C-alpha atoms as a PDB file:
ATOM      1  CA  MET A   1     113.699 119.717  69.357  1.00  0.00           C
ATOM      2  CA  THR A   2     110.372 119.444  71.122  1.00  0.00           C
ATOM      3  CA  ILE A   3     108.560 122.655  71.932  1.00  0.00           C
ATOM      4  CA  THR A   4     106.386 122.723  75.043  1.00  0.00           C
ATOM      5  CA  ASP A   5     104.075 125.399  76.390  1.00  0.00           C
ATOM      6  CA  GLN A   6     104.939 124.436  79.973  1.00  0.00           C
ATOM      7  CA  PRO A   7     106.511 127.258  82.010  1.00  0.00           C
ATOM      8  CA  TYR A   8     108.902 124.779  83.654  1.00  0.00           C
ATOM      9  CA  PHE A   9     109.943 121.130  83.578  1.00  0.00           C
ATOM     10  CA  LEU A  10     111.907 118.754  85.762  1.00  0.00           C
ATOM     11  CA  ALA A  11     115.122 117.144  84.545  1.00  0.00           C
ATOM     12  CA  LEU A  12     116.010 113.633  85.646  1.00  0.00           C
ATOM     13  CA  SER A  13     119.270 111.868  84.774  1.00  0.00           C
ATOM     14  CA  GLY A  14     120.255 108.272  85.389  1.00  0.00           C
ATOM     15  CA  SER A  15     123.518 106.433  85.018  1.00  0.00           C
ATOM     16  CA  THR A  16     122.280 103.653  82.700  1.00  0.00           C
ATOM     17  CA  LEU A  17     119.673 103.225  79.994  1.00  0.00           C
ATOM     18  CA  ASP A  18     118.041 100.406  82.005  1.00  0.00           C
ATOM     19  CA  GLU A  19     117.670 102.679  85.031  1.00  0.00           C
ATOM     20  CA  ILE A  20     116.191 105.517  83.005  1.00  0.00           C
ATOM     21  CA  THR A  21     113.871 103.180  81.062  1.00  0.00           C
ATOM     22  CA  ALA A  22     112.365 101.840  84.294  1.00  0.00           C
ATOM     23  CA  THR A  23     111.744 105.382  85.537  1.00  0.00           C
ATOM     24  CA  TRP A  24     110.372 106.437  82.130  1.00  0.00           C
ATOM     25  CA  ASP A  25     107.938 103.520  82.128  1.00  0.00           C
ATOM     26  CA  ARG A  26     106.550 104.537  85.522  1.00  0.00           C
ATOM     27  CA  LEU A  27     106.292 108.247  84.688  1.00  0.00           C
ATOM     28  CA  SER A  28     104.590 107.640  81.342  1.00  0.00           C
ATOM     29  CA  VAL A  29     101.626 105.686  82.770  1.00  0.00           C
ATOM     30  CA  GLY A  30      98.600 107.903  82.129  1.00  0.00           C
ATOM     31  CA  GLY A  31     100.822 110.638  80.712  1.00  0.00           C
ATOM     32  CA  THR A  32     101.626 112.109  77.314  1.00  0.00           C
ATOM     33  CA  ILE A  33     104.913 111.434  75.551  1.00  0.00           C
ATOM     34  CA  LEU A  34     106.292 114.589  73.945  1.00  0.00           C
ATOM     35  CA  GLU A  35     109.608 113.129  72.748  1.00  0.00           C
ATOM     36  CA  PRO A  36     110.015 109.329  72.835  1.00  0.00           C
ATOM     37  CA  LEU A  37     112.870 107.907  74.888  1.00  0.00           C
ATOM     38  CA  ALA A  38     115.621 107.140  72.376  1.00  0.00           C
ATOM     39  CA  ALA A  39     119.329 107.570  71.730  1.00  0.00           C
ATOM     40  CA  SER A  40     120.390 111.088  70.810  1.00  0.00           C
ATOM     41  CA  ALA A  41     123.586 112.808  69.720  1.00  0.00           C
ATOM     42  CA  TRP A  42     124.389 113.635  73.361  1.00  0.00           C
ATOM     43  CA  SER A  43     122.942 110.722  75.319  1.00  0.00           C
ATOM     44  CA  ALA A  44     122.304 106.971  75.179  1.00  0.00           C
ATOM     45  CA  GLY A  45     118.703 107.821  76.039  1.00  0.00           C
ATOM     46  CA  PHE A  46     116.722 111.074  76.019  1.00  0.00           C
ATOM     47  CA  GLY A  47     112.991 111.725  76.211  1.00  0.00           C
ATOM     48  CA  MET A  48     110.370 114.222  77.326  1.00  0.00           C
ATOM     49  CA  LEU A  49     106.903 113.558  78.703  1.00  0.00           C
ATOM     50  CA  THR A  50     104.114 115.067  80.741  1.00  0.00           C
ATOM     51  CA  ASP A  51     103.000 112.756  83.558  1.00  0.00           C
ATOM     52  CA  GLN A  52      99.430 112.075  84.664  1.00  0.00           C
ATOM     53  CA  PHE A  53      99.586 115.039  87.066  1.00  0.00           C
ATOM     54  CA  GLY A  54     100.620 117.562  84.394  1.00  0.00           C
ATOM     55  CA  VAL A  55     104.312 117.731  85.327  1.00  0.00           C
ATOM     56  CA  THR A  56     106.669 117.788  82.340  1.00  0.00           C
ATOM     57  CA  TRP A  57     109.866 115.725  82.653  1.00  0.00           C
ATOM     58  CA  VAL A  58     113.068 115.624  80.613  1.00  0.00           C
ATOM     59  CA  VAL A  59     114.744 112.272  81.195  1.00  0.00           C
ATOM     60  CA  ASP A  60     118.216 111.253  80.026  1.00  0.00           C
ATOM     61  CA  VAL A  61     121.207 109.038  80.605  1.00  0.00           C
ATOM     62  CA  ALA A  62     124.106 111.047  82.007  1.00  0.00           C
ATOM     63  CA  GLN A  63     127.365 110.834  80.071  1.00  0.00           C
END
């Protein structure tokens, strides 16, 4: 599990890995990846990043 010092984060779910990967690629430009987008025990794709504006995102593929 990734620990972050951010007081909040935004969660974004997509219906397919392709959809989420495209969004991930756009959000990660100029940002910092905290947890790489990859398959997890609960999702076909899960990741966490902080975008170029300092907003932390949790991104996943909905089940």
